[in-house]
């Protein structure tokens, strides 16, 4: 059940991996997705179920060709990243971007110089 306000459910690692294929390759049939996997390949039905789950969550849609479906992404990678970042900040930093950034600085995942550079780029509208 999707919450009102259009908030989308997050993705599992497997779902995210499959979305990556749609973002890189464009529209795909499940059998084409199967070809991207190394042995031991997942079962066709397993992939098909995951893709249908992505459709239920609103990430992909399909075109029917006879009795086979070609699926395509309806959410761009950029939108997905933005939503994911917003979700993480909402969940772990009380919706405060400032506390998220200060946490990165404290953990030394980002230097003050990098932060200054980032601020400069944002101000310049990059």
Protein backbone atom coordinates (compact mmCIF):
# COMPACT_ATOMS: atom_id res chain seq x y z
CA UNK A 1 0.00 0.00 0.00
CA UNK A 2 1.52 3.31 -1.04
CA UNK A 3 1.41 6.18 1.43
CA UNK A 4 -0.41 9.32 0.37
CA UNK A 5 1.82 12.16 -0.72
CA UNK A 6 3.48 9.98 -3.33
CA UNK A 7 6.30 8.79 -1.13
CA UNK A 8 7.77 5.69 -2.68
CA UNK A 9 8.91 2.61 -0.89
CA UNK A 10 12.64 2.04 -0.77
CA UNK A 11 14.34 -0.65 -2.79
CA UNK A 12 16.06 -3.83 -1.77
CA UNK A 13 19.64 -4.38 -2.98
CA UNK A 14 18.37 -6.76 -5.70
CA UNK A 15 15.75 -4.28 -6.86
CA UNK A 16 18.32 -1.50 -6.96
CA UNK A 17 20.65 -3.70 -9.00
CA UNK A 18 17.89 -4.34 -11.56
CA UNK A 19 16.98 -0.64 -11.69
CA UNK A 20 20.64 -0.04 -12.54
CA UNK A 21 20.19 -2.17 -15.68
CA UNK A 22 17.12 -0.18 -16.73
CA UNK A 23 18.97 3.10 -16.18
CA UNK A 24 22.01 1.94 -18.14
CA UNK A 25 20.38 -0.03 -20.95
CA UNK A 26 16.88 1.41 -21.36
CA UNK A 27 13.77 -0.76 -21.85
CA UNK A 28 14.36 -4.48 -21.23
CA UNK A 29 12.60 -7.81 -21.33
CA UNK A 30 13.12 -10.04 -18.27
CA UNK A 31 15.09 -12.52 -20.41
CA UNK A 32 17.47 -9.70 -21.38
CA UNK A 33 18.01 -8.81 -17.71
CA UNK A 34 18.75 -12.49 -17.04
CA UNK A 35 21.59 -12.31 -19.58
CA UNK A 36 23.43 -9.66 -17.49
CA UNK A 37 23.90 -12.11 -14.61
CA UNK A 38 26.85 -14.45 -14.21
CA UNK A 39 26.37 -18.11 -13.33
CA UNK A 40 24.65 -19.23 -11.25
CA UNK A 41 21.97 -17.04 -12.80
CA UNK A 42 18.84 -16.23 -10.81
CA UNK A 43 15.72 -18.09 -11.93
CA UNK A 44 13.65 -16.34 -14.63
CA UNK A 45 10.58 -16.38 -12.36
CA UNK A 46 12.55 -14.81 -9.52
CA UNK A 47 13.63 -11.90 -11.72
CA UNK A 48 10.15 -11.59 -13.13
CA UNK A 49 8.73 -11.31 -9.60
CA UNK A 50 11.27 -8.64 -8.63
CA UNK A 51 10.50 -6.62 -11.78
CA UNK A 52 6.75 -6.85 -11.11
CA UNK A 53 7.49 -5.66 -7.57
CA UNK A 54 9.33 -2.65 -9.01
CA UNK A 55 6.28 -1.95 -11.14
CA UNK A 56 3.99 -2.13 -8.09
CA UNK A 57 6.26 0.30 -6.27
CA UNK A 58 6.03 2.69 -9.23
CA UNK A 59 9.64 2.47 -10.46
CA UNK A 60 9.01 0.73 -13.80
CA UNK A 61 6.13 0.32 -16.24
CA UNK A 62 5.72 -2.04 -19.20
CA UNK A 63 4.68 -2.32 -22.82
CA UNK A 64 3.09 -5.57 -23.92
CA UNK A 65 4.42 -7.37 -27.00
CA UNK A 66 2.06 -10.29 -27.46
CA UNK A 67 2.29 -12.14 -24.16
CA UNK A 68 5.71 -10.79 -23.18
CA UNK A 69 6.30 -7.53 -21.39
CA UNK A 70 9.09 -5.07 -21.99
CA UNK A 71 9.73 -3.02 -18.87
CA UNK A 72 11.19 0.47 -18.66
CA UNK A 73 12.16 2.84 -15.83
CA UNK A 74 9.71 5.60 -14.97
CA UNK A 75 11.93 7.01 -12.22
CA UNK A 76 15.26 8.50 -13.26
CA UNK A 77 18.48 7.68 -11.44
CA UNK A 78 18.68 11.35 -10.37
CA UNK A 79 15.19 11.31 -8.84
CA UNK A 80 15.98 8.03 -7.13
CA UNK A 81 19.23 9.40 -5.64
CA UNK A 82 17.50 12.55 -4.47
CA UNK A 83 14.70 10.56 -2.83
CA UNK A 84 17.18 8.18 -1.24
CA UNK A 85 19.24 11.03 0.18
CA UNK A 86 16.11 12.74 1.48
CA UNK A 87 15.03 9.47 3.08
CA UNK A 88 18.36 8.93 4.80
CA UNK A 89 18.47 12.50 6.09
CA UNK A 90 14.87 12.26 7.24
CA UNK A 91 15.43 8.96 9.01
CA UNK A 92 18.83 9.51 10.60
CA UNK A 93 19.24 13.28 10.93
CA UNK A 94 15.72 14.51 11.82
CA UNK A 95 15.38 16.06 8.35
CA UNK A 96 18.33 18.34 9.06
CA UNK A 97 20.77 18.62 6.16
CA UNK A 98 23.01 20.63 8.46
CA UNK A 99 23.39 17.81 10.98
CA UNK A 100 23.97 15.36 8.12
CA UNK A 101 26.81 17.51 6.77
CA UNK A 102 28.33 18.15 10.19
CA UNK A 103 28.25 14.41 10.84
CA UNK A 104 30.19 13.84 7.59
CA UNK A 105 32.77 16.43 8.64
CA UNK A 106 33.10 14.94 12.14
CA UNK A 107 33.49 11.44 10.73
CA UNK A 108 36.15 12.94 8.43
CA UNK A 109 34.39 11.54 5.37
CA UNK A 110 34.56 15.04 3.96
CA UNK A 111 37.20 17.66 4.67
CA UNK A 112 36.44 21.28 5.46
CA UNK A 113 38.12 22.24 2.19
CA UNK A 114 35.81 19.88 0.29
CA UNK A 115 32.85 21.36 2.14
CA UNK A 116 33.94 24.92 1.24
CA UNK A 117 34.35 23.85 -2.39
CA UNK A 118 30.88 22.32 -2.33
CA UNK A 119 29.34 25.48 -0.87
CA UNK A 120 31.11 27.57 -3.52
CA UNK A 121 29.76 25.33 -6.30
CA UNK A 122 26.24 25.48 -4.91
CA UNK A 123 26.44 29.28 -4.65
CA UNK A 124 27.67 29.49 -8.24
CA UNK A 125 24.73 27.36 -9.27
CA UNK A 126 26.72 24.36 -10.50
